[in-house]
């Protein structure tokens, strides 16, 4: 019989300006065993990342938000208070989004 995998120990910072999406993502990740820090405000996300004593291992962010895009947020946080997530050579970060181009 296989032993269950150990619970994740990583902390994920979830940022989304849609309260329903934010709550769903935070709930799902929390049930999966992750420590979740969440906010609907990218500026608050920067403050949270800066003031936390424990590391944030992953940033999961919406792409389009008021005041700051998800890519700008990631750029401002990369290497500072977020653990580095290594990307395979030649691959770019993935950005989940519900937006599609019109046909």
Protein backbone atom coordinates (compact mmCIF):
# COMPACT_ATOMS: atom_id res chain seq x y z
CA UNK A 1 0.00 0.00 0.00
CA UNK A 2 1.37 3.40 -0.97
CA UNK A 3 1.97 5.95 1.74
CA UNK A 4 0.21 9.28 1.31
CA UNK A 5 2.41 12.14 0.17
CA UNK A 6 3.54 14.56 2.84
CA UNK A 7 1.51 17.75 3.07
CA UNK A 8 2.98 20.70 1.17
CA UNK A 9 4.94 23.13 3.33
CA UNK A 10 5.07 25.96 0.85
CA UNK A 11 3.39 29.34 1.16
CA UNK A 12 1.51 30.74 -1.83
CA UNK A 13 0.60 34.40 -2.22
CA UNK A 14 -2.68 34.61 -4.16
CA UNK A 15 -3.65 37.97 -5.65
CA UNK A 16 -6.89 38.56 -7.55
CA UNK A 17 -9.25 41.55 -7.63
CA UNK A 18 -12.30 39.28 -8.08
CA UNK A 19 -13.36 38.27 -4.55
CA UNK A 20 -14.99 35.01 -5.71
CA UNK A 21 -11.92 33.87 -7.66
CA UNK A 22 -9.67 34.88 -4.76
CA UNK A 23 -11.76 32.92 -2.24
CA UNK A 24 -11.95 29.84 -4.49
CA UNK A 25 -8.20 29.77 -5.16
CA UNK A 26 -7.35 30.32 -1.50
CA UNK A 27 -9.80 27.63 -0.37
CA UNK A 28 -8.59 25.04 -2.89
CA UNK A 29 -4.93 25.64 -2.10
CA UNK A 30 -5.63 25.59 1.64
CA UNK A 31 -7.45 22.24 1.37
CA UNK A 32 -4.44 20.92 -0.57
CA UNK A 33 -2.29 21.75 2.45
CA UNK A 34 -0.58 24.93 1.34
CA UNK A 35 -0.25 27.97 3.56
CA UNK A 36 -2.14 30.68 1.71
CA UNK A 37 -1.75 34.44 2.00
CA UNK A 38 -4.35 36.21 -0.11
CA UNK A 39 -5.36 39.72 -1.06
CA UNK A 40 -7.36 41.48 -3.74
CA UNK A 41 -4.95 44.42 -3.93
CA UNK A 42 -1.55 44.17 -5.67
CA UNK A 43 -0.14 47.01 -3.53
CA UNK A 44 -1.17 45.09 -0.40
CA UNK A 45 0.49 41.99 -1.87
CA UNK A 46 3.78 43.90 -2.12
CA UNK A 47 3.42 45.01 1.51
CA UNK A 48 2.61 41.47 2.66
CA UNK A 49 5.60 40.01 0.82
CA UNK A 50 7.89 42.69 2.21
CA UNK A 51 6.81 42.35 5.84
CA UNK A 52 6.48 38.55 6.19
CA UNK A 53 9.21 36.84 8.13
CA UNK A 54 8.52 33.47 6.44
CA UNK A 55 9.24 33.04 2.73
CA UNK A 56 6.58 33.09 0.03
CA UNK A 57 7.37 30.29 -2.37
CA UNK A 58 4.95 31.04 -5.18
CA UNK A 59 2.97 34.01 -6.47
CA UNK A 60 -0.37 33.16 -8.11
CA UNK A 61 -1.81 36.34 -9.54
CA UNK A 62 -4.49 37.60 -11.88
CA UNK A 63 -3.15 39.11 -15.08
CA UNK A 64 -5.36 42.20 -15.26
CA UNK A 65 -5.99 44.14 -12.04
CA UNK A 66 -6.49 47.78 -11.09
CA UNK A 67 -3.34 49.75 -10.25
CA UNK A 68 -0.88 47.05 -11.32
CA UNK A 69 -0.84 44.09 -13.71
CA UNK A 70 0.03 40.61 -12.49
CA UNK A 71 3.20 40.61 -14.58
CA UNK A 72 4.31 43.95 -13.08
CA UNK A 73 3.60 42.57 -9.60
CA UNK A 74 5.69 39.48 -10.33
CA UNK A 75 8.48 41.64 -11.76
CA UNK A 76 8.54 43.84 -8.66
CA UNK A 77 8.61 40.81 -6.37
CA UNK A 78 11.02 38.54 -8.23
CA UNK A 79 14.05 37.79 -6.13
CA UNK A 80 12.77 39.81 -3.18
CA UNK A 81 10.88 37.97 -0.45
CA UNK A 82 9.77 35.29 -2.90
CA UNK A 83 11.71 32.09 -3.29
CA UNK A 84 13.05 31.70 -6.80
CA UNK A 85 11.06 29.30 -8.93
CA UNK A 86 13.39 27.93 -11.57
CA UNK A 87 11.98 27.82 -15.08
CA UNK A 88 13.23 25.22 -17.55
CA UNK A 89 15.55 26.83 -20.06
CA UNK A 90 13.67 28.65 -22.79
CA UNK A 91 10.30 28.51 -21.02
CA UNK A 92 8.44 31.56 -19.79
CA UNK A 93 6.18 31.73 -16.74
CA UNK A 94 2.62 30.58 -17.32
CA UNK A 95 -0.18 33.10 -16.73
CA UNK A 96 -3.60 31.55 -16.08
CA UNK A 97 -6.38 33.78 -17.37
CA UNK A 98 -10.04 33.57 -18.24
CA UNK A 99 -9.64 36.05 -21.09
CA UNK A 100 -9.69 34.85 -24.67
CA UNK A 101 -9.37 36.59 -27.98
CA UNK A 102 -12.59 37.09 -29.94
CA UNK A 103 -13.03 34.67 -32.88
